[in-house]
């Protein structure tokens, strides 16, 4: 099937047409038609080039996974996370002493995962259940530079642009140096995590937020509700809030199971 000029609709049978130099999508029989069509094509061209740029960025930041099996991908991204925190510990950052309890480990890995999704580091088809099943095995143990050499034959697996440290920088959008400051995206994830009390346990032993000012519990003022009704509604509303927060990283249940397993079997790198 012959192609046609996007402006005059002339068929590309007699001579080869040229595409728009920016989006490489619109086809023109000559410069006159391209110039005449530009006021109309300008908006479309901008949208197409933006989509192309986003797809290219996504492909480049998740390319580390292309030559790995699913099981190897989970282990490799876990090692990326663990090496990042070994670097933080060695540099003595403000957060270097927080990585010791099941709750703090869950929180840090959760933030890492949310940012990995946001910054397109996680490839398409990622299974969060598989990743967390591998993570619960590995985060119990420290991961140092000597471990990188033993496992991968040096810090680099494929080339200098796909090291564990480089992918960590793609996740957090920052190097480890000067890591005491949060990026806006990172700070927003931490704020949402803390406000939801996702990995905190209440004194009564459950994982529900008992803040009476919680905006999710406005129906609690209804005088017809019994104390039991109020407690149940509050529990359901807070569960919805937590589920929404976990929506792009596999859902709430896998993360709670991950935390429960770390509490039962914390390993040598995690305290009570």
Protein backbone atom coordinates (compact mmCIF):
# COMPACT_ATOMS: atom_id res chain seq x y z
CA UNK A 1 0.00 0.00 0.00
CA UNK A 2 1.42 3.38 -0.99
CA UNK A 3 1.72 6.14 1.58
CA UNK A 4 0.34 9.67 1.21
CA UNK A 5 1.47 13.19 2.07
CA UNK A 6 -0.02 14.30 5.36
CA UNK A 7 -0.98 17.68 3.86
CA UNK A 8 -1.95 17.38 0.19
CA UNK A 9 -2.62 13.61 0.30
CA UNK A 10 -0.50 13.02 -2.81
CA UNK A 11 0.41 9.36 -3.15
CA UNK A 12 4.03 8.25 -2.69
CA UNK A 13 4.12 6.34 -5.96
CA UNK A 14 6.34 8.51 -8.10
CA UNK A 15 8.95 9.70 -5.60
CA UNK A 16 10.03 8.87 -2.06
CA UNK A 17 8.57 11.19 0.57
CA UNK A 18 10.32 12.40 3.71
CA UNK A 19 9.15 12.28 7.31
CA UNK A 20 8.94 15.03 9.92
CA UNK A 21 12.42 15.58 11.33
CA UNK A 22 11.16 15.64 14.94
CA UNK A 23 8.57 12.92 15.37
CA UNK A 24 9.59 10.81 12.33
CA UNK A 25 5.91 10.06 11.93
CA UNK A 26 4.20 12.54 9.57
CA UNK A 27 5.01 12.08 5.88
CA UNK A 28 5.36 14.94 3.36
CA UNK A 29 5.90 15.12 -0.38
CA UNK A 30 8.04 18.25 -0.03
CA UNK A 31 9.06 21.18 2.11
CA UNK A 32 6.16 23.37 0.99
CA UNK A 33 3.61 20.88 2.31
CA UNK A 34 5.57 20.39 5.52
CA UNK A 35 5.66 24.14 6.20
CA UNK A 36 1.98 24.53 5.35
CA UNK A 37 1.02 21.63 7.65
CA UNK A 38 3.14 22.72 10.60
CA UNK A 39 0.49 24.84 12.43
CA UNK A 40 -1.78 21.80 12.48
CA UNK A 41 0.92 19.18 13.04
CA UNK A 42 2.78 21.07 15.78
CA UNK A 43 0.66 19.86 18.70
CA UNK A 44 0.56 16.27 17.46
CA UNK A 45 4.32 16.33 16.85
CA UNK A 46 4.96 17.43 20.44
CA UNK A 47 2.77 14.65 21.85
CA UNK A 48 4.41 11.99 19.68
CA UNK A 49 7.96 13.06 20.54
CA UNK A 50 7.11 13.14 24.25
CA UNK A 51 5.74 9.60 24.09
CA UNK A 52 8.82 8.47 22.17
CA UNK A 53 11.13 10.04 24.74
CA UNK A 54 9.27 8.37 27.61
CA UNK A 55 9.42 4.99 25.89
CA UNK A 56 13.13 5.39 25.21
CA UNK A 57 13.81 6.33 28.84
CA UNK A 58 11.77 3.39 30.07
CA UNK A 59 13.61 0.99 27.78
CA UNK A 60 17.04 2.25 28.84
CA UNK A 61 16.44 2.17 32.61
CA UNK A 62 14.91 -1.33 32.58
CA UNK A 63 17.37 -2.78 30.04
CA UNK A 64 19.39 -4.39 32.87
CA UNK A 65 16.71 -7.11 33.03
CA UNK A 66 16.80 -8.09 29.36
CA UNK A 67 19.39 -10.87 29.67
CA UNK A 68 18.24 -12.24 33.02
CA UNK A 69 15.65 -14.86 33.87
CA UNK A 70 12.79 -13.77 36.19
CA UNK A 71 14.47 -15.42 39.19
CA UNK A 72 17.79 -13.74 38.38
CA UNK A 73 16.05 -10.38 38.01
CA UNK A 74 14.57 -10.58 41.50
CA UNK A 75 17.91 -11.45 43.05
CA UNK A 76 19.76 -8.78 41.09
CA UNK A 77 17.39 -5.97 42.10
CA UNK A 78 17.53 -7.15 45.73
CA UNK A 79 21.32 -6.97 45.53
CA UNK A 80 21.06 -3.47 44.06
CA UNK A 81 19.00 -2.46 47.10
CA UNK A 82 21.35 -4.17 49.57
CA UNK A 83 24.49 -2.66 48.05
CA UNK A 84 22.92 0.78 48.16
CA UNK A 85 22.41 0.46 51.89
CA UNK A 86 25.88 -0.93 52.47
CA UNK A 87 27.22 2.20 50.77
CA UNK A 88 25.03 4.40 52.98
CA UNK A 89 26.28 2.59 56.07
CA UNK A 90 29.94 2.91 55.03
CA UNK A 91 29.54 6.62 54.30
CA UNK A 92 27.91 7.19 57.67
CA UNK A 93 24.80 8.89 56.33
CA UNK A 94 22.03 10.04 58.63
CA UNK A 95 19.98 6.97 57.73
CA UNK A 96 22.78 4.44 58.07
CA UNK A 97 21.64 3.23 61.51
CA UNK A 98 17.95 2.83 60.70
CA UNK A 99 18.26 -0.41 58.79
CA UNK A 100 17.92 -2.76 61.76
CA UNK A 101 14.31 -3.73 62.47
CA UNK A 102 11.77 -5.64 60.36
CA UNK A 103 9.66 -2.48 60.13
CA UNK A 104 12.51 -0.26 58.93
CA UNK A 105 13.70 -2.84 56.41
CA UNK A 106 10.15 -3.17 55.05
CA UNK A 107 9.83 0.60 54.85
CA UNK A 108 13.12 1.14 53.04
CA UNK A 109 12.46 -1.66 50.54
CA UNK A 110 8.94 -0.32 49.99
CA UNK A 111 10.28 3.15 49.17
CA UNK A 112 12.92 1.60 46.90
CA UNK A 113 10.20 -0.38 45.08
CA UNK A 114 7.84 2.60 44.68
CA UNK A 115 10.64 4.72 43.24
CA UNK A 116 11.77 1.87 40.96
CA UNK A 117 8.28 1.81 39.47
CA UNK A 118 8.03 5.59 39.17
CA UNK A 119 11.42 5.87 37.46
CA UNK A 120 10.78 2.94 35.10
CA UNK A 121 13.53 0.72 36.49
CA UNK A 122 11.18 -2.24 36.90
CA UNK A 123 10.59 -4.02 33.56
CA UNK A 124 7.17 -4.88 32.18
CA UNK A 125 5.59 -8.03 33.60
CA UNK A 126 7.30 -7.70 36.99
CA UNK A 127 5.97 -10.11 39.63
CA UNK A 128 6.05 -8.48 43.06
CA UNK A 129 5.26 -11.75 44.82
CA UNK A 130 8.34 -13.30 43.25
CA UNK A 131 10.49 -10.30 44.10
CA UNK A 132 9.39 -10.21 47.75
CA UNK A 133 9.84 -13.97 48.10
CA UNK A 134 13.47 -13.54 47.05
CA UNK A 135 13.89 -10.36 49.11
CA UNK A 136 12.78 -12.06 52.33
CA UNK A 137 15.63 -14.54 51.82
CA UNK A 138 18.29 -11.93 51.07
CA UNK A 139 17.66 -8.78 53.12
CA UNK A 140 18.37 -10.71 56.32
CA UNK A 141 22.03 -10.67 55.37
CA UNK A 142 24.48 -7.86 54.70
CA UNK A 143 25.71 -7.41 51.13
CA UNK A 144 29.16 -5.90 50.82
CA UNK A 145 31.48 -5.14 47.93
CA UNK A 146 33.29 -8.44 48.48
CA UNK A 147 29.94 -10.20 47.95
CA UNK A 148 29.52 -8.34 44.66
CA UNK A 149 32.90 -9.58 43.48
CA UNK A 150 32.19 -13.14 44.58
CA UNK A 151 28.78 -13.26 42.90
CA UNK A 152 29.29 -11.19 39.78
CA UNK A 153 33.03 -11.22 39.18
CA UNK A 154 33.43 -7.53 39.90
CA UNK A 155 31.02 -4.69 40.41
CA UNK A 156 29.96 -4.61 36.77
CA UNK A 157 27.69 -7.31 35.36
CA UNK A 158 27.31 -6.20 31.74
CA UNK A 159 29.08 -2.87 31.25
CA UNK A 160 29.87 0.31 33.13
CA UNK A 161 26.36 1.71 32.60
CA UNK A 162 24.50 -1.19 34.19
CA UNK A 163 26.25 -1.69 37.50
CA UNK A 164 24.32 -2.25 40.68
CA UNK A 165 25.23 1.23 41.84
CA UNK A 166 24.11 2.83 38.59
CA UNK A 167 20.67 1.23 38.74
CA UNK A 168 20.43 2.34 42.38
CA UNK A 169 21.05 5.90 41.20
CA UNK A 170 18.33 5.48 38.58
CA UNK A 171 15.90 4.33 41.29
CA UNK A 172 16.62 7.20 43.70
CA UNK A 173 17.62 9.73 41.04
CA UNK A 174 20.71 10.51 43.09
CA UNK A 175 24.11 9.07 43.95
CA UNK A 176 24.87 7.87 47.47
CA UNK A 177 27.10 10.89 48.13
CA UNK A 178 25.01 13.57 49.83
CA UNK A 179 22.21 11.09 50.41
CA UNK A 180 21.07 12.67 53.66
CA UNK A 181 18.75 14.85 51.60
CA UNK A 182 15.60 13.34 50.09
CA UNK A 183 14.51 14.06 46.54
CA UNK A 184 10.95 15.43 46.23
CA UNK A 185 9.65 12.09 44.94
CA UNK A 186 11.42 10.16 47.67
CA UNK A 187 10.17 12.49 50.36
CA UNK A 188 6.60 12.14 49.09
CA UNK A 189 6.78 8.34 49.30
CA UNK A 190 8.17 8.48 52.84
CA UNK A 191 5.45 10.92 53.88
CA UNK A 192 2.73 8.65 52.48
CA UNK A 193 4.36 5.62 54.11
CA UNK A 194 4.56 7.23 57.55
CA UNK A 195 1.06 8.72 57.43
CA UNK A 196 -0.42 5.33 56.57
CA UNK A 197 1.50 3.53 59.36
CA UNK A 198 1.88 0.71 56.85
CA UNK A 199 4.63 -1.14 58.72
CA UNK A 200 3.90 0.03 62.25
CA UNK A 201 2.21 -2.06 64.91
CA UNK A 202 -0.21 -0.50 67.40
CA UNK A 203 -0.03 -1.18 71.11
CA UNK A 204 -3.09 -3.39 70.85
CA UNK A 205 -1.22 -5.64 68.43
CA UNK A 206 -2.99 -4.80 65.18
CA UNK A 207 -1.77 -2.79 62.21
CA UNK A 208 -4.58 -0.22 62.14
CA UNK A 209 -4.16 3.52 62.54
CA UNK A 210 -5.96 4.79 65.64
CA UNK A 211 -5.58 8.50 64.89
CA UNK A 212 -8.93 10.12 65.72
CA UNK A 213 -8.17 12.91 63.23
CA UNK A 214 -7.85 10.53 60.30
CA UNK A 215 -9.79 12.15 57.41
CA UNK A 216 -10.74 8.70 56.18
CA UNK A 217 -13.02 8.22 59.21
CA UNK A 218 -15.44 11.14 58.95
CA UNK A 219 -18.57 8.88 59.20
CA UNK A 220 -17.47 7.95 62.73
CA UNK A 221 -19.38 10.98 64.05
CA UNK A 222 -22.66 9.34 63.14
CA UNK A 223 -24.45 8.94 66.53
CA UNK A 224 -26.23 5.81 65.32
CA UNK A 225 -22.94 3.90 65.14
CA UNK A 226 -21.92 1.63 67.99
CA UNK A 227 -18.28 1.53 69.19
CA UNK A 228 -17.92 -1.81 67.39
CA UNK A 229 -19.29 -0.29 64.18
CA UNK A 230 -16.85 2.60 64.45
CA UNK A 231 -13.90 0.29 65.01
CA UNK A 232 -14.84 -1.84 62.01
CA UNK A 233 -15.35 1.16 59.75
CA UNK A 234 -12.05 2.68 60.79
CA UNK A 235 -10.28 -0.61 60.12
CA UNK A 236 -11.83 -0.91 56.66
CA UNK A 237 -11.09 2.70 55.70
CA UNK A 238 -7.47 2.46 56.77
CA UNK A 239 -7.08 -0.83 54.90
CA UNK A 240 -8.36 0.89 51.77
CA UNK A 241 -5.81 3.66 52.25
CA UNK A 242 -2.98 1.17 52.64
CA UNK A 243 -4.15 -0.90 49.68
CA UNK A 244 -4.19 2.18 47.47
CA UNK A 245 -0.64 3.04 48.54
CA UNK A 246 0.53 -0.46 47.60
CA UNK A 247 -1.39 -0.62 44.35
CA UNK A 248 1.59 -0.21 42.01
CA UNK A 249 3.92 -2.54 43.94
CA UNK A 250 1.88 -5.71 44.14
CA UNK A 251 -0.82 -4.84 46.65
CA UNK A 252 -0.98 -4.74 50.43
CA UNK A 253 -1.04 -8.45 51.32
CA UNK A 254 2.38 -9.42 49.88
CA UNK A 255 4.03 -6.60 51.85
CA UNK A 256 2.33 -7.54 55.12
CA UNK A 257 3.36 -11.17 54.53
CA UNK A 258 6.90 -9.97 53.87
CA UNK A 259 6.93 -8.05 57.16
CA UNK A 260 5.47 -10.99 59.09
CA UNK A 261 8.16 -13.32 57.77
CA UNK A 262 10.92 -10.88 58.76
CA UNK A 263 9.44 -10.64 62.24
CA UNK A 264 9.43 -14.43 62.57
CA UNK A 265 12.87 -14.96 61.06
CA UNK A 266 14.82 -11.69 61.10
CA UNK A 267 18.26 -13.17 60.41
CA UNK A 268 21.64 -11.80 61.50
CA UNK A 269 21.32 -8.37 59.84
CA UNK A 270 17.99 -7.37 61.42
CA UNK A 271 17.24 -6.80 65.08
CA UNK A 272 13.94 -7.08 66.89
